[in-house]
Amino acid sequence: MTNATRIPLFAVLLVGLLSLPSAASAQGRPPIADEIAKAYGFDSWGQVEAIRYTFTLDAGKLKLHRSWVWEPKADRITYDGPDKDGKPVKVTYVRAQLASQNAFVKEVVDPGFFNDQYWVLFPFHMVWDTGATITDAGMQKLPLGKGKATKVVVQYPSDGGFTPGDTWGLFVGKDHRIQELAFKHGGAAKPGVVLATWEKYKKAGPVLVSTFHRGKADGHPFTESVSNVAVKLVGSETWMEAK
């Protein structure tokens, strides 16, 4: 994929390659990558017609609140949040037709969608993003909390996507749930280093989601929450709320 302009927003800090879900071979991945994805409901992802959630960031002066509905089979995205002037706006688009959208959708909404979606579904990207190199680094000390966990390193290639060369260090418990994250940008994007917890797990249908993150970005504290999480399964019109 071609390089995209880096987005100078704190919120867009965890965007790796802009990969769409696709069938992928487990060849070259350590077994723990697939075990983590399965713990979050990857084997049942094909049943999901739509997923919704609201992403809220509090990073001092920067505060964000935006809601999403993603229909993965059609790759249709609905954004509900502020426009460039801070006024409420609701936009629906299909990523295959992104080139026909206005600059706000292409430069703000779509990068924002991928950032927020990585916070919600990153375990699935360990399977979807076939260009990434994944390494089982064994038991290591947690970067924020006490104790140790298995560290799994996900390294993106040096070209393509919004932030080429990004590295994710996932600290995973025996239940294959992420406990903490150590993220480092591959280039000059800011913040360069992010440490965050993954807490308050809830399950929406078959999909497991961490609904709260707290940590530091280049030493500055922040919190993120993922609320209003629900999924709609194929053939159903009912949203299954996260519990």
C-alpha atoms as a PDB file:
ATOM      1  CA  MET A   1       0.000   0.000   0.000  1.00  0.00           C
ATOM      2  CA  THR A   2       1.175   3.550  -0.606  1.00  0.00           C
ATOM      3  CA  ASN A   3       2.366   5.738   2.224  1.00  0.00           C
ATOM      4  CA  ALA A   4      -0.166   8.138   3.715  1.00  0.00           C
ATOM      5  CA  THR A   5       0.437  11.481   5.351  1.00  0.00           C
ATOM      6  CA  ARG A   6       1.142  11.187   9.058  1.00  0.00           C
ATOM      7  CA  ILE A   7      -1.716  12.507  11.154  1.00  0.00           C
ATOM      8  CA  PRO A   8      -0.548  14.997  13.838  1.00  0.00           C
ATOM      9  CA  LEU A   9      -3.105  13.954  16.469  1.00  0.00           C
ATOM     10  CA  PHE A  10      -2.452  12.194  19.763  1.00  0.00           C
ATOM     11  CA  ALA A  11      -5.503  10.018  19.158  1.00  0.00           C
ATOM     12  CA  VAL A  12      -4.148   8.604  15.934  1.00  0.00           C
ATOM     13  CA  LEU A  13      -1.259   6.941  17.692  1.00  0.00           C
ATOM     14  CA  LEU A  14      -1.768   3.248  17.172  1.00  0.00           C
ATOM     15  CA  VAL A  15      -2.476   2.952  13.475  1.00  0.00           C
ATOM     16  CA  GLY A  16      -0.415   0.268  11.805  1.00  0.00           C
ATOM     17  CA  LEU A  17      -0.935  -0.946   8.269  1.00  0.00           C
ATOM     18  CA  LEU A  18      -4.374  -0.212   6.910  1.00  0.00           C
ATOM     19  CA  SER A  19      -5.206  -3.848   6.322  1.00  0.00           C
ATOM     20  CA  LEU A  20      -8.653  -5.160   5.591  1.00  0.00           C
ATOM     21  CA  PRO A  21      -9.751  -8.512   7.042  1.00  0.00           C
ATOM     22  CA  SER A  22      -8.771 -11.369   4.777  1.00  0.00           C
ATOM     23  CA  ALA A  23      -7.962 -15.048   4.961  1.00  0.00           C
ATOM     24  CA  ALA A  24      -4.436 -15.594   6.195  1.00  0.00           C
ATOM     25  CA  SER A  25      -2.170 -18.532   6.761  1.00  0.00           C
ATOM     26  CA  ALA A  26      -0.723 -19.151  10.211  1.00  0.00           C
ATOM     27  CA  GLN A  27       2.617 -19.907   8.590  1.00  0.00           C
ATOM     28  CA  GLY A  28       5.310 -17.669  10.028  1.00  0.00           C
ATOM     29  CA  ARG A  29       3.307 -16.661  13.109  1.00  0.00           C
ATOM     30  CA  PRO A  30       4.114 -18.093  16.533  1.00  0.00           C
ATOM     31  CA  PRO A  31       1.205 -20.157  17.939  1.00  0.00           C
ATOM     32  CA  ILE A  32       0.529 -17.592  20.644  1.00  0.00           C
ATOM     33  CA  ALA A  33      -0.631 -15.037  18.048  1.00  0.00           C
ATOM     34  CA  ASP A  34      -3.516 -17.261  16.972  1.00  0.00           C
ATOM     35  CA  GLU A  35      -4.251 -18.188  20.590  1.00  0.00           C
ATOM     36  CA  ILE A  36      -4.607 -14.515  21.484  1.00  0.00           C
ATOM     37  CA  ALA A  37      -6.895 -13.835  18.513  1.00  0.00           C
ATOM     38  CA  LYS A  38      -9.064 -16.828  19.437  1.00  0.00           C
ATOM     39  CA  ALA A  39      -9.344 -15.631  23.043  1.00  0.00           C
ATOM     40  CA  TYR A  40     -10.951 -12.443  21.706  1.00  0.00           C
ATOM     41  CA  GLY A  41     -13.459 -14.328  19.522  1.00  0.00           C
ATOM     42  CA  PHE A  42     -11.657 -14.458  16.193  1.00  0.00           C
ATOM     43  CA  ASP A  43     -13.109 -17.850  15.247  1.00  0.00           C
ATOM     44  CA  SER A  44     -16.618 -16.327  15.402  1.00  0.00           C
ATOM     45  CA  TRP A  45     -15.817 -13.051  13.616  1.00  0.00           C
ATOM     46  CA  GLY A  46     -17.453 -14.364  10.434  1.00  0.00           C
ATOM     47  CA  GLN A  47     -20.800 -14.268  12.247  1.00  0.00           C
ATOM     48  CA  VAL A  48     -20.547 -10.521  12.883  1.00  0.00           C
ATOM     49  CA  GLU A  49     -22.580  -8.326  10.545  1.00  0.00           C
ATOM     50  CA  ALA A  50     -21.808  -5.080  12.373  1.00  0.00           C
ATOM     51  CA  ILE A  51     -19.977  -3.777  15.431  1.00  0.00           C
ATOM     52  CA  ARG A  52     -20.489  -0.426  17.129  1.00  0.00           C
ATOM     53  CA  TYR A  53     -18.600   1.446  19.838  1.00  0.00           C
ATOM     54  CA  THR A  54     -17.792   4.911  21.151  1.00  0.00           C
ATOM     55  CA  PHE A  55     -14.169   5.953  21.634  1.00  0.00           C
ATOM     56  CA  THR A  56     -13.363   8.566  24.290  1.00  0.00           C
ATOM     57  CA  LEU A  57      -9.914  10.005  24.938  1.00  0.00           C
ATOM     58  CA  ASP A  58      -8.841  12.265  27.795  1.00  0.00           C
ATOM     59  CA  ALA A  59      -5.245  13.422  27.345  1.00  0.00           C
ATOM     60  CA  GLY A  60      -5.250  16.694  29.220  1.00  0.00           C
ATOM     61  CA  LYS A  61      -5.944  19.462  26.740  1.00  0.00           C
ATOM     62  CA  LEU A  62      -6.893  16.969  24.054  1.00  0.00           C
ATOM     63  CA  LYS A  63     -10.280  15.320  24.555  1.00  0.00           C
ATOM     64  CA  LEU A  64     -12.070  13.249  21.925  1.00  0.00           C
ATOM     65  CA  HIS A  65     -15.453  11.536  21.788  1.00  0.00           C
ATOM     66  CA  ARG A  66     -16.559   9.776  18.590  1.00  0.00           C
ATOM     67  CA  SER A  67     -18.828   6.876  17.736  1.00  0.00           C
ATOM     68  CA  TRP A  68     -18.540   4.231  15.034  1.00  0.00           C
ATOM     69  CA  VAL A  69     -20.521   1.503  13.323  1.00  0.00           C
ATOM     70  CA  TRP A  70     -18.483  -0.851  11.154  1.00  0.00           C
ATOM     71  CA  GLU A  71     -20.127  -3.366   8.827  1.00  0.00           C
ATOM     72  CA  PRO A  72     -17.082  -5.512   7.972  1.00  0.00           C
ATOM     73  CA  LYS A  73     -18.643  -7.603   5.214  1.00  0.00           C
ATOM     74  CA  ALA A  74     -19.516  -4.475   3.217  1.00  0.00           C
ATOM     75  CA  ASP A  75     -16.613  -2.540   4.811  1.00  0.00           C
ATOM     76  CA  ARG A  76     -19.092   0.268   5.390  1.00  0.00           C
ATOM     77  CA  ILE A  77     -18.250   2.756   8.139  1.00  0.00           C
ATOM     78  CA  THR A  78     -20.489   5.246   9.925  1.00  0.00           C
ATOM     79  CA  TYR A  79     -18.864   8.066  11.898  1.00  0.00           C
ATOM     80  CA  ASP A  80     -20.756  10.151  14.446  1.00  0.00           C
ATOM     81  CA  GLY A  81     -18.704  12.920  16.021  1.00  0.00           C
ATOM     82  CA  PRO A  82     -17.362  16.446  15.534  1.00  0.00           C
ATOM     83  CA  ASP A  83     -16.438  17.907  12.163  1.00  0.00           C
ATOM     84  CA  LYS A  84     -13.306  20.018  11.649  1.00  0.00           C
ATOM     85  CA  ASP A  85     -15.084  22.955  13.331  1.00  0.00           C
ATOM     86  CA  GLY A  86     -16.283  20.891  16.280  1.00  0.00           C
ATOM     87  CA  LYS A  87     -19.884  20.701  15.099  1.00  0.00           C
ATOM     88  CA  PRO A  88     -21.727  17.345  15.192  1.00  0.00           C
ATOM     89  CA  VAL A  89     -21.718  15.417  11.941  1.00  0.00           C
ATOM     90  CA  LYS A  90     -22.685  11.927  10.823  1.00  0.00           C
ATOM     91  CA  VAL A  91     -20.983  10.346   7.811  1.00  0.00           C
ATOM     92  CA  THR A  92     -21.357   6.918   6.189  1.00  0.00           C
ATOM     93  CA  TYR A  93     -18.950   5.689   3.515  1.00  0.00           C
ATOM     94  CA  VAL A  94     -17.574   2.513   1.954  1.00  0.00           C
ATOM     95  CA  ARG A  95     -13.798   2.245   2.027  1.00  0.00           C
ATOM     96  CA  ALA A  96     -13.657   0.971  -1.570  1.00  0.00           C
ATOM     97  CA  GLN A  97     -15.089   4.374  -2.538  1.00  0.00           C
ATOM     98  CA  LEU A  98     -12.895   6.427  -0.202  1.00  0.00           C
ATOM     99  CA  ALA A  99     -11.263   8.294  -3.095  1.00  0.00           C
ATOM    100  CA  SER A 100     -14.603   9.928  -3.891  1.00  0.00           C
ATOM    101  CA  GLN A 101     -15.046  11.291  -0.357  1.00  0.00           C
ATOM    102  CA  ASN A 102     -14.154  14.814   0.771  1.00  0.00           C
ATOM    103  CA  ALA A 103     -10.908  15.736   2.490  1.00  0.00           C
ATOM    104  CA  PHE A 104     -12.412  15.551   5.980  1.00  0.00           C
ATOM    105  CA  VAL A 105     -13.396  11.913   5.499  1.00  0.00           C
ATOM    106  CA  LYS A 106     -10.118  10.945   3.830  1.00  0.00           C
ATOM    107  CA  GLU A 107      -7.770  12.822   6.159  1.00  0.00           C
ATOM    108  CA  VAL A 108      -9.578  12.764   9.517  1.00  0.00           C
ATOM    109  CA  VAL A 109     -12.456  10.289   9.668  1.00  0.00           C
ATOM    110  CA  ASP A 110     -10.838   7.282   7.996  1.00  0.00           C
ATOM    111  CA  PRO A 111      -7.532   7.512   9.932  1.00  0.00           C
ATOM    112  CA  GLY A 112      -9.565   8.024  13.106  1.00  0.00           C
ATOM    113  CA  PHE A 113     -11.584   4.896  12.352  1.00  0.00           C
ATOM    114  CA  PHE A 114      -8.481   2.774  12.013  1.00  0.00           C
ATOM    115  CA  ASN A 115      -6.917   4.191  15.154  1.00  0.00           C
ATOM    116  CA  ASP A 116      -9.989   3.492  17.271  1.00  0.00           C
ATOM    117  CA  GLN A 117     -10.605   0.113  15.675  1.00  0.00           C
ATOM    118  CA  TYR A 118      -7.052  -0.993  16.506  1.00  0.00           C
ATOM    119  CA  TRP A 119      -7.750  -0.266  20.179  1.00  0.00           C
ATOM    120  CA  VAL A 120     -10.877  -2.429  19.962  1.00  0.00           C
ATOM    121  CA  LEU A 121      -9.789  -5.252  17.647  1.00  0.00           C
ATOM    122  CA  PHE A 122      -6.000  -5.323  17.622  1.00  0.00           C
ATOM    123  CA  PRO A 123      -5.849  -9.036  18.583  1.00  0.00           C
ATOM    124  CA  PHE A 124      -7.559  -9.798  15.255  1.00  0.00           C
ATOM    125  CA  HIS A 125      -4.993  -7.715  13.368  1.00  0.00           C
ATOM    126  CA  MET A 126      -2.355 -10.177  14.506  1.00  0.00           C
ATOM    127  CA  VAL A 127      -3.962 -12.500  11.949  1.00  0.00           C
ATOM    128  CA  TRP A 128      -5.249  -9.951   9.436  1.00  0.00           C
ATOM    129  CA  ASP A 129      -2.044  -7.909   9.034  1.00  0.00           C
ATOM    130  CA  THR A 130       0.039 -10.515   7.255  1.00  0.00           C
ATOM    131  CA  GLY A 131       2.897  -8.051   6.614  1.00  0.00           C
ATOM    132  CA  ALA A 132       3.706  -7.773  10.314  1.00  0.00           C
ATOM    133  CA  THR A 133       6.439  -9.852  11.973  1.00  0.00           C
ATOM    134  CA  ILE A 134       5.303 -11.429  15.255  1.00  0.00           C
ATOM    135  CA  THR A 135       7.721 -12.753  17.891  1.00  0.00           C
ATOM    136  CA  ASP A 136       7.112 -14.584  21.161  1.00  0.00           C
ATOM    137  CA  ALA A 137       9.631 -12.872  23.477  1.00  0.00           C
ATOM    138  CA  GLY A 138       8.833 -14.972  26.557  1.00  0.00           C
ATOM    139  CA  MET A 139       8.101 -13.853  30.132  1.00  0.00           C
ATOM    140  CA  GLN A 140       9.047 -10.248  30.875  1.00  0.00           C
ATOM    141  CA  LYS A 141       8.277  -7.580  33.476  1.00  0.00           C
ATOM    142  CA  LEU A 142       5.146  -5.523  32.941  1.00  0.00           C
ATOM    143  CA  PRO A 143       6.015  -1.956  31.862  1.00  0.00           C
ATOM    144  CA  LEU A 144       3.409  -0.328  34.150  1.00  0.00           C
ATOM    145  CA  GLY A 145       2.177  -2.828  36.713  1.00  0.00           C
ATOM    146  CA  LYS A 146       3.772  -5.380  38.994  1.00  0.00           C
ATOM    147  CA  GLY A 147       4.635  -8.908  37.941  1.00  0.00           C
ATOM    148  CA  LYS A 148       5.414 -10.518  34.631  1.00  0.00           C
ATOM    149  CA  ALA A 149       3.574 -11.651  31.526  1.00  0.00           C
ATOM    150  CA  THR A 150       4.400 -13.164  28.157  1.00  0.00           C
ATOM    151  CA  LYS A 151       5.592 -10.460  25.787  1.00  0.00           C
ATOM    152  CA  VAL A 152       4.516 -10.749  22.154  1.00  0.00           C
ATOM    153  CA  VAL A 153       6.151  -8.277  19.769  1.00  0.00           C
ATOM    154  CA  VAL A 154       4.339  -7.186  16.601  1.00  0.00           C
ATOM    155  CA  GLN A 155       6.647  -5.295  14.225  1.00  0.00           C
ATOM    156  CA  TYR A 156       5.239  -3.576  11.131  1.00  0.00           C
ATOM    157  CA  PRO A 157       7.368  -3.132   7.994  1.00  0.00           C
ATOM    158  CA  SER A 158       9.164   0.133   7.329  1.00  0.00           C
ATOM    159  CA  ASP A 159       6.919   1.196   4.456  1.00  0.00           C
ATOM    160  CA  GLY A 160       3.161   1.478   3.976  1.00  0.00           C
ATOM    161  CA  GLY A 161       0.363   2.637   6.238  1.00  0.00           C
ATOM    162  CA  PHE A 162       0.126   5.795   8.325  1.00  0.00           C
ATOM    163  CA  THR A 163       3.030   4.982  10.638  1.00  0.00           C
ATOM    164  CA  PRO A 164       5.471   2.531   9.059  1.00  0.00           C
ATOM    165  CA  GLY A 165       7.823   0.649  11.345  1.00  0.00           C
ATOM    166  CA  ASP A 166       5.533   0.720  14.382  1.00  0.00           C
ATOM    167  CA  THR A 167       6.217  -1.848  17.111  1.00  0.00           C
ATOM    168  CA  TRP A 168       3.618  -3.228  19.511  1.00  0.00           C
ATOM    169  CA  GLY A 169       4.749  -5.043  22.635  1.00  0.00           C
ATOM    170  CA  LEU A 170       1.784  -6.961  24.050  1.00  0.00           C
ATOM    171  CA  PHE A 171       2.009  -8.338  27.580  1.00  0.00           C
ATOM    172  CA  VAL A 172      -0.325 -11.317  27.733  1.00  0.00           C
ATOM    173  CA  GLY A 173      -1.624 -13.369  30.663  1.00  0.00           C
ATOM    174  CA  LYS A 174      -2.177 -17.114  30.864  1.00  0.00           C
ATOM    175  CA  ASP A 175      -5.736 -16.568  29.596  1.00  0.00           C
ATOM    176  CA  HIS A 176      -4.233 -14.977  26.432  1.00  0.00           C
ATOM    177  CA  ARG A 177      -5.777 -11.622  27.289  1.00  0.00           C
ATOM    178  CA  ILE A 178      -3.654  -8.503  26.854  1.00  0.00           C
ATOM    179  CA  GLN A 179      -2.798  -6.933  30.215  1.00  0.00           C
ATOM    180  CA  GLU A 180      -0.574  -4.091  29.072  1.00  0.00           C
ATOM    181  CA  LEU A 181       0.779  -2.569  25.881  1.00  0.00           C
ATOM    182  CA  ALA A 182       4.101  -0.918  25.051  1.00  0.00           C
ATOM    183  CA  PHE A 183       3.859   0.873  21.707  1.00  0.00           C
ATOM    184  CA  LYS A 184       6.639   2.647  19.804  1.00  0.00           C
ATOM    185  CA  HIS A 185       6.292   4.639  16.612  1.00  0.00           C
ATOM    186  CA  GLY A 186       8.631   3.666  13.827  1.00  0.00           C
ATOM    187  CA  GLY A 187       9.269   7.222  12.670  1.00  0.00           C
ATOM    188  CA  ALA A 188       8.969  10.797  13.834  1.00  0.00           C
ATOM    189  CA  ALA A 189       5.268  10.706  14.723  1.00  0.00           C
ATOM    190  CA  LYS A 190       4.337  11.958  18.186  1.00  0.00           C
ATOM    191  CA  PRO A 191       3.889  10.655  20.772  1.00  0.00           C
ATOM    192  CA  GLY A 192       6.743   8.278  20.094  1.00  0.00           C
ATOM    193  CA  VAL A 193       6.226   5.875  23.000  1.00  0.00           C
ATOM    194  CA  VAL A 194       2.904   4.806  24.529  1.00  0.00           C
ATOM    195  CA  LEU A 195       2.386   2.557  27.565  1.00  0.00           C
ATOM    196  CA  ALA A 196      -1.177   1.499  28.381  1.00  0.00           C
ATOM    197  CA  THR A 197      -3.193  -0.994  30.367  1.00  0.00           C
ATOM    198  CA  TRP A 198      -5.967  -3.147  28.891  1.00  0.00           C
ATOM    199  CA  GLU A 199      -8.724  -3.386  31.498  1.00  0.00           C
ATOM    200  CA  LYS A 200     -12.442  -3.853  32.166  1.00  0.00           C
ATOM    201  CA  TYR A 201     -13.083  -6.617  29.679  1.00  0.00           C
ATOM    202  CA  LYS A 202     -16.597  -7.137  28.355  1.00  0.00           C
ATOM    203  CA  LYS A 203     -18.044  -9.516  25.792  1.00  0.00           C
ATOM    204  CA  ALA A 204     -20.398  -8.419  23.006  1.00  0.00           C
ATOM    205  CA  GLY A 205     -21.766 -11.594  21.478  1.00  0.00           C
ATOM    206  CA  PRO A 206     -18.662 -13.628  20.587  1.00  0.00           C
ATOM    207  CA  VAL A 207     -16.266 -10.636  20.637  1.00  0.00           C
ATOM    208  CA  LEU A 208     -14.179  -9.807  23.720  1.00  0.00           C
ATOM    209  CA  VAL A 209     -13.235  -6.132  24.160  1.00  0.00           C
ATOM    210  CA  SER A 210     -11.082  -4.219  26.646  1.00  0.00           C
ATOM    211  CA  THR A 211     -13.187  -1.160  27.465  1.00  0.00           C
ATOM    212  CA  PHE A 212     -10.667   0.917  29.420  1.00  0.00           C
ATOM    213  CA  HIS A 213      -7.029   1.923  28.955  1.00  0.00           C
ATOM    214  CA  ARG A 214      -4.846   4.141  31.099  1.00  0.00           C
ATOM    215  CA  GLY A 215      -1.203   4.951  30.713  1.00  0.00           C
ATOM    216  CA  LYS A 216       1.358   7.422  29.451  1.00  0.00           C
ATOM    217  CA  ALA A 217       2.239   8.853  26.072  1.00  0.00           C
ATOM    218  CA  ASP A 218       5.794  10.201  26.083  1.00  0.00           C
ATOM    219  CA  GLY A 219       5.434  10.422  29.861  1.00  0.00           C
ATOM    220  CA  HIS A 220       2.113  12.308  29.832  1.00  0.00           C
ATOM    221  CA  PRO A 221      -0.893  10.549  31.409  1.00  0.00           C
ATOM    222  CA  PHE A 222      -4.016   9.705  29.420  1.00  0.00           C
ATOM    223  CA  THR A 223      -7.117   7.536  29.676  1.00  0.00           C
ATOM    224  CA  GLU A 224      -9.247   5.980  26.970  1.00  0.00           C
ATOM    225  CA  SER A 225     -12.590   4.260  27.205  1.00  0.00           C
ATOM    226  CA  VAL A 226     -14.581   2.195  24.730  1.00  0.00           C
ATOM    227  CA  SER A 227     -18.296   2.363  25.524  1.00  0.00           C
ATOM    228  CA  ASN A 228     -21.635   1.494  23.913  1.00  0.00           C
ATOM    229  CA  VAL A 229     -20.034  -1.676  22.519  1.00  0.00           C
ATOM    230  CA  ALA A 230     -22.385  -4.062  20.722  1.00  0.00           C
ATOM    231  CA  VAL A 231     -22.423  -6.453  17.787  1.00  0.00           C
ATOM    232  CA  LYS A 232     -25.118  -7.515  15.366  1.00  0.00           C
ATOM    233  CA  LEU A 233     -24.853 -11.052  14.039  1.00  0.00           C
ATOM    234  CA  VAL A 234     -25.632 -12.159  10.490  1.00  0.00           C
ATOM    235  CA  GLY A 235     -29.374 -12.625  10.001  1.00  0.00           C
ATOM    236  CA  SER A 236     -30.316 -10.640  13.114  1.00  0.00           C
ATOM    237  CA  GLU A 237     -31.550  -7.075  13.573  1.00  0.00           C
ATOM    238  CA  THR A 238     -30.812  -7.085  17.318  1.00  0.00           C
ATOM    239  CA  TRP A 239     -27.731  -5.503  18.819  1.00  0.00           C
ATOM    240  CA  MET A 240     -26.000  -7.671  21.417  1.00  0.00           C
ATOM    241  CA  GLU A 241     -24.730  -5.289  24.102  1.00  0.00           C
ATOM    242  CA  ALA A 242     -21.359  -5.857  25.755  1.00  0.00           C
ATOM    243  CA  LYS A 243     -21.630  -7.318  29.268  1.00  0.00           C
END
